């Protein structure tokens, strides 16, 4: 008996940063579903406004009104996630007004449920106690490269999803030992551009955490190619890259449903390329690109 194909749920970047892009893309995705692969959907859109001391992963530069952001996602039935993955939080940071107000807003408007991507155990316990309506996601900033450590994280009841380090993406034999319920919690980071052999990834994320706390970190990335910045063409050559074909032919048949697309620190033009590549049928990619660029050139770019 043939199993029904699972749906791939994409977790997309730029909740606040790329509001204008999603304001145009989401109606297109709903009204012209034939442009897009029928085996995929949007699981969530994640991000954080600038100057959030709980923020981590990337320093956000763009902002948009949180109420409008939430209203847009609720209109389309999409979960919103706050990226609060700062790893260096202390007790005194928990009372931050801006971050608490955002959590209260996201907790109150929870149809569908909204989430928080978190690293700090201190913040996790605080959120569980103060905003139980928000589901926690274990951040990739934990750099879980050891498979047994990943399994322990997955088995914790604290998290609805766990994002492993991208260097475990191709550990197929180990990943296949997970049970169905464990696989449901794994969220793969698909399009990482960082050097596969990087040994400073934790320090790199800690430097971002320090910047969000208003401190000046003593760190600069020395990985090969770091000065070029992000290139999707380079990410595609990364040994950890998960292609649209990999999702269809390997990961979905293995029982994995959740895929994170990075890109909060990039421009909306590049994020659109991700939406085209991962979600849009090749024969409609030009049409989607034209509808977004030509009709909205002044708003977006």
Protein backbone atom coordinates (compact mmCIF):
# COMPACT_ATOMS: atom_id res chain seq x y z
CA UNK A 1 0.00 0.00 0.00
CA UNK A 2 1.47 3.39 -1.04
CA UNK A 3 1.96 5.91 1.76
CA UNK A 4 0.56 9.39 1.22
CA UNK A 5 3.33 11.89 0.66
CA UNK A 6 4.04 14.14 3.62
CA UNK A 7 3.83 17.91 3.25
CA UNK A 8 7.02 19.96 3.48
CA UNK A 9 6.48 22.90 5.83
CA UNK A 10 8.84 25.79 5.23
CA UNK A 11 9.84 28.12 8.04
CA UNK A 12 10.68 31.37 6.30
CA UNK A 13 12.90 34.31 7.32
CA UNK A 14 12.08 37.97 7.86
CA UNK A 15 8.86 38.29 9.84
CA UNK A 16 9.54 41.99 10.51
CA UNK A 17 12.37 42.49 8.03
CA UNK A 18 10.49 41.47 4.87
CA UNK A 19 6.92 42.39 5.73
CA UNK A 20 6.49 44.22 2.41
CA UNK A 21 7.62 41.16 0.45
CA UNK A 22 5.25 38.82 2.31
CA UNK A 23 2.40 41.32 1.98
CA UNK A 24 2.67 40.75 -1.78
CA UNK A 25 3.76 37.10 -1.82
CA UNK A 26 1.14 35.61 0.51
CA UNK A 27 -1.92 36.70 -1.57
CA UNK A 28 -0.14 35.30 -4.64
CA UNK A 29 0.52 32.01 -2.82
CA UNK A 30 -3.15 31.73 -1.82
CA UNK A 31 -4.80 32.93 -5.04
CA UNK A 32 -2.51 31.14 -7.49
CA UNK A 33 -1.77 27.88 -5.69
CA UNK A 34 -1.19 26.29 -9.11
CA UNK A 35 2.07 28.28 -9.39
CA UNK A 36 3.50 26.41 -6.40
CA UNK A 37 4.38 22.81 -5.55
CA UNK A 38 1.38 21.02 -4.09
CA UNK A 39 3.60 19.10 -1.65
CA UNK A 40 4.74 22.21 0.26
CA UNK A 41 3.22 24.84 2.54
CA UNK A 42 4.34 27.65 4.87
CA UNK A 43 4.79 26.44 8.45
CA UNK A 44 5.87 29.76 9.95
CA UNK A 45 7.65 33.04 9.33
CA UNK A 46 10.27 34.03 11.91
CA UNK A 47 12.19 37.13 12.92
CA UNK A 48 12.62 39.90 15.47
CA UNK A 49 12.68 43.69 15.38
CA UNK A 50 15.99 45.52 15.93
CA UNK A 51 17.16 46.38 19.42
CA UNK A 52 15.67 43.28 21.03
CA UNK A 53 18.14 42.18 23.68
CA UNK A 54 16.66 38.67 23.64
CA UNK A 55 17.45 38.46 19.92
CA UNK A 56 20.12 36.18 18.51
CA UNK A 57 21.24 34.34 15.40
CA UNK A 58 21.48 37.53 13.34
CA UNK A 59 21.34 41.22 14.20
CA UNK A 60 18.14 42.56 12.69
CA UNK A 61 18.23 45.92 10.94
CA UNK A 62 14.73 46.24 9.51
CA UNK A 63 11.55 46.79 11.47
CA UNK A 64 7.80 46.84 10.96
CA UNK A 65 4.82 47.38 13.23
CA UNK A 66 4.25 44.17 15.22
CA UNK A 67 0.46 44.50 15.12
CA UNK A 68 0.43 44.72 11.32
CA UNK A 69 2.86 41.80 11.06
CA UNK A 70 0.64 39.60 13.21
CA UNK A 71 -2.54 40.69 11.42
CA UNK A 72 -1.03 39.67 8.07
CA UNK A 73 -0.01 36.21 9.28
CA UNK A 74 -3.31 35.60 11.03
CA UNK A 75 -5.16 36.52 7.84
CA UNK A 76 -3.30 33.72 6.07
CA UNK A 77 -3.33 31.25 8.99
CA UNK A 78 0.45 31.21 9.38
CA UNK A 79 2.35 30.85 12.65
CA UNK A 80 4.63 33.75 13.63
CA UNK A 81 7.86 33.07 15.52
CA UNK A 82 10.01 35.47 17.49
CA UNK A 83 13.76 34.83 17.12
CA UNK A 84 14.84 35.23 20.74
CA UNK A 85 17.91 32.98 20.60
CA UNK A 86 20.36 35.10 22.60
CA UNK A 87 22.60 32.62 24.43
CA UNK A 88 24.06 35.05 26.99
CA UNK A 89 21.00 36.36 28.84
CA UNK A 90 21.15 37.06 32.56
CA UNK A 91 18.36 37.37 35.11
CA UNK A 92 18.22 41.16 34.78
CA UNK A 93 17.50 40.89 31.05
CA UNK A 94 14.23 39.00 31.59
CA UNK A 95 12.35 42.16 32.55
CA UNK A 96 13.09 43.87 29.21
CA UNK A 97 9.95 45.78 28.31
CA UNK A 98 10.12 45.58 24.51
CA UNK A 99 10.65 41.80 24.42
CA UNK A 100 7.93 41.15 27.01
CA UNK A 101 5.45 43.33 25.13
CA UNK A 102 6.16 41.40 21.92
CA UNK A 103 5.68 38.06 23.68
CA UNK A 104 2.42 39.27 25.26
CA UNK A 105 1.14 40.40 21.83
CA UNK A 106 2.13 37.13 20.15
CA UNK A 107 0.65 35.07 23.00
CA UNK A 108 -2.64 36.94 22.90
CA UNK A 109 -3.00 36.61 19.11
CA UNK A 110 -2.44 32.89 18.85
CA UNK A 111 -4.69 31.59 16.08
CA UNK A 112 -2.74 29.74 14.82
CA UNK A 113 -0.29 29.31 17.69
CA UNK A 114 2.82 31.45 17.60
CA UNK A 115 6.28 30.43 18.76
CA UNK A 116 9.63 31.58 20.10
CA UNK A 117 13.01 30.34 18.87
CA UNK A 118 15.14 30.11 22.00
CA UNK A 119 18.65 29.17 23.12
CA UNK A 120 18.93 30.32 26.74
CA UNK A 121 17.61 27.88 29.37
CA UNK A 122 16.92 30.87 31.61
CA UNK A 123 14.70 32.46 28.97
CA UNK A 124 13.03 29.12 28.15
CA UNK A 125 11.85 28.66 31.74
CA UNK A 126 10.73 32.31 31.91
CA UNK A 127 8.69 31.97 28.71
CA UNK A 128 7.09 28.71 29.86
CA UNK A 129 6.03 30.40 33.06
CA UNK A 130 4.90 33.78 31.64
CA UNK A 131 3.79 33.00 28.07
CA UNK A 132 2.75 29.33 27.96
CA UNK A 133 0.68 30.02 24.82
CA UNK A 134 3.92 30.37 22.81
CA UNK A 135 5.53 27.13 21.66
CA UNK A 136 9.35 26.97 22.04
CA UNK A 137 11.73 25.99 19.22
CA UNK A 138 15.29 24.92 20.06
CA UNK A 139 17.62 27.20 18.10
CA UNK A 140 20.30 26.11 15.65
CA UNK A 141 22.58 28.53 17.54
CA UNK A 142 23.12 25.67 20.02
CA UNK A 143 25.29 24.12 17.25
CA UNK A 144 24.10 20.56 17.87
CA UNK A 145 26.63 18.67 15.75
CA UNK A 146 26.67 15.52 17.91
CA UNK A 147 23.83 13.19 16.99
CA UNK A 148 23.30 11.85 20.52
CA UNK A 149 23.09 15.41 21.85
CA UNK A 150 20.52 16.15 19.13
CA UNK A 151 18.44 13.13 20.16
CA UNK A 152 18.45 14.26 23.79
CA UNK A 153 17.25 17.71 22.71
CA UNK A 154 14.49 16.20 20.57
CA UNK A 155 13.35 14.00 23.47
CA UNK A 156 12.86 17.00 25.76
CA UNK A 157 9.19 17.88 26.20
CA UNK A 158 10.19 21.57 26.30
CA UNK A 159 10.44 21.95 22.53
CA UNK A 160 7.98 21.50 19.70
CA UNK A 161 10.79 21.69 17.12
CA UNK A 162 14.57 21.34 17.25
CA UNK A 163 16.88 22.79 14.58
CA UNK A 164 20.10 20.73 14.33
CA UNK A 165 23.37 22.14 13.08
CA UNK A 166 23.44 22.00 9.27
CA UNK A 167 26.38 19.57 9.40
CA UNK A 168 24.03 16.80 10.52
CA UNK A 169 21.78 17.32 7.47
CA UNK A 170 23.29 14.43 5.49
CA UNK A 171 23.71 11.95 8.37
CA UNK A 172 20.99 9.84 6.73
CA UNK A 173 21.66 6.54 8.52
CA UNK A 174 21.55 8.15 11.95
CA UNK A 175 18.56 10.33 11.08
CA UNK A 176 16.67 7.24 9.92
CA UNK A 177 17.01 5.68 13.39
CA UNK A 178 14.68 8.36 14.79
CA UNK A 179 11.09 7.39 15.52
CA UNK A 180 8.21 9.02 13.64
CA UNK A 181 7.43 11.38 16.54
CA UNK A 182 11.12 12.35 16.81
CA UNK A 183 11.28 13.05 13.07
CA UNK A 184 8.24 15.33 13.39
CA UNK A 185 10.26 17.58 15.71
CA UNK A 186 13.34 17.95 13.47
CA UNK A 187 13.56 21.18 11.47
CA UNK A 188 16.44 21.18 8.98
CA UNK A 189 18.34 24.35 8.08
CA UNK A 190 18.44 24.02 4.28
CA UNK A 191 20.49 26.84 2.77
CA UNK A 192 23.38 27.59 5.11
CA UNK A 193 26.32 29.24 3.38
CA UNK A 194 28.86 29.02 6.21
CA UNK A 195 32.05 27.01 5.76
CA UNK A 196 31.23 23.33 6.46
CA UNK A 197 34.43 22.85 8.46
CA UNK A 198 33.94 25.96 10.62
CA UNK A 199 34.99 25.45 14.24
CA UNK A 200 33.96 28.95 15.38
CA UNK A 201 30.22 28.76 14.79
CA UNK A 202 29.33 28.94 18.49
CA UNK A 203 31.62 31.94 19.00
CA UNK A 204 30.10 33.60 15.93
CA UNK A 205 26.58 33.28 17.37
CA UNK A 206 27.82 34.46 20.78
CA UNK A 207 29.22 37.58 19.10
CA UNK A 208 25.73 38.32 17.74
CA UNK A 209 24.26 37.78 21.20
CA UNK A 210 26.77 40.27 22.65
CA UNK A 211 25.88 42.86 19.99
CA UNK A 212 22.18 42.51 20.82
CA UNK A 213 23.06 43.14 24.48
CA UNK A 214 24.86 46.35 23.44
CA UNK A 215 28.33 44.89 24.01
CA UNK A 216 31.18 44.94 21.49
CA UNK A 217 32.36 41.37 20.83
CA UNK A 218 36.02 40.56 20.28
CA UNK A 219 35.41 38.24 17.33
CA UNK A 220 35.79 38.26 13.56
CA UNK A 221 35.04 35.32 11.30
CA UNK A 222 38.14 33.88 9.63
CA UNK A 223 36.42 31.04 7.75
CA UNK A 224 37.27 30.70 4.04
CA UNK A 225 35.05 32.91 1.89
CA UNK A 226 33.51 34.76 4.86
CA UNK A 227 34.39 38.18 3.39
CA UNK A 228 32.18 37.48 0.34
CA UNK A 229 29.06 37.34 2.45
CA UNK A 230 26.07 35.16 1.55
CA UNK A 231 25.80 33.75 -1.96
CA UNK A 232 22.97 31.33 -2.77
CA UNK A 233 25.12 29.87 -5.54
CA UNK A 234 27.80 29.14 -2.92
CA UNK A 235 25.27 27.72 -0.44
CA UNK A 236 24.13 25.26 -3.13
CA UNK A 237 27.66 23.80 -3.21
CA UNK A 238 27.82 23.43 0.58
CA UNK A 239 27.96 19.74 1.64
CA UNK A 240 25.08 20.42 4.06
CA UNK A 241 22.82 22.05 1.44
CA UNK A 242 19.32 20.56 1.13
CA UNK A 243 18.00 21.03 -2.39
CA UNK A 244 14.37 21.01 -3.46
CA UNK A 245 15.08 17.60 -5.06
CA UNK A 246 16.55 16.30 -1.77
CA UNK A 247 13.37 17.31 0.06
CA UNK A 248 11.16 15.51 -2.46
CA UNK A 249 13.26 12.41 -2.99
CA UNK A 250 15.05 11.87 0.34
CA UNK A 251 13.71 13.78 3.33
CA UNK A 252 9.93 13.60 2.77
CA UNK A 253 10.06 9.82 2.04
CA UNK A 254 12.17 9.42 5.21
CA UNK A 255 9.38 11.09 7.18
CA UNK A 256 10.74 14.62 7.76
CA UNK A 257 8.36 17.56 7.28
CA UNK A 258 10.05 20.74 8.54
CA UNK A 259 12.56 22.90 6.69
CA UNK A 260 14.03 26.21 7.78
CA UNK A 261 15.19 28.74 5.18
CA UNK A 262 17.73 31.24 6.52
CA UNK A 263 18.01 34.79 5.25
CA UNK A 264 16.96 37.41 7.82
CA UNK A 265 20.15 39.39 7.26
CA UNK A 266 19.80 39.34 3.47
CA UNK A 267 17.80 41.54 1.11
CA UNK A 268 14.25 40.85 -0.02
CA UNK A 269 15.48 40.15 -3.59
CA UNK A 270 17.50 37.17 -2.36
CA UNK A 271 14.70 35.93 -0.09
CA UNK A 272 12.42 36.02 -3.14
CA UNK A 273 14.93 33.73 -4.90
CA UNK A 274 14.54 31.26 -2.02
CA UNK A 275 10.74 31.39 -2.35
CA UNK A 276 11.06 30.77 -6.08
CA UNK A 277 13.55 27.93 -5.75
CA UNK A 278 11.97 26.03 -2.85
CA UNK A 279 8.26 26.64 -3.44
CA UNK A 280 7.55 27.69 -7.02
CA UNK A 281 7.19 25.36 -9.99
CA UNK A 282 9.95 26.15 -12.53
CA UNK A 283 7.46 27.02 -15.29
CA UNK A 284 5.91 29.75 -13.08
CA UNK A 285 9.06 31.22 -11.50
CA UNK A 286 9.38 34.04 -14.03
CA UNK A 287 5.69 34.87 -13.68
CA UNK A 288 5.91 35.08 -9.87
CA UNK A 289 9.10 37.14 -10.11
CA UNK A 290 7.43 39.56 -12.54
CA UNK A 291 4.28 39.92 -10.44
CA UNK A 292 6.37 40.81 -7.41
CA UNK A 293 9.01 42.98 -9.09
CA UNK A 294 7.05 44.78 -11.79
CA UNK A 295 3.91 45.60 -9.83
CA UNK A 296 5.69 46.56 -6.63
CA UNK A 297 9.11 47.84 -7.64
CA UNK A 298 8.89 51.08 -5.68
CA UNK A 299 7.52 49.50 -2.50
CA UNK A 300 10.04 46.70 -2.31
CA UNK A 301 13.33 47.71 -3.78
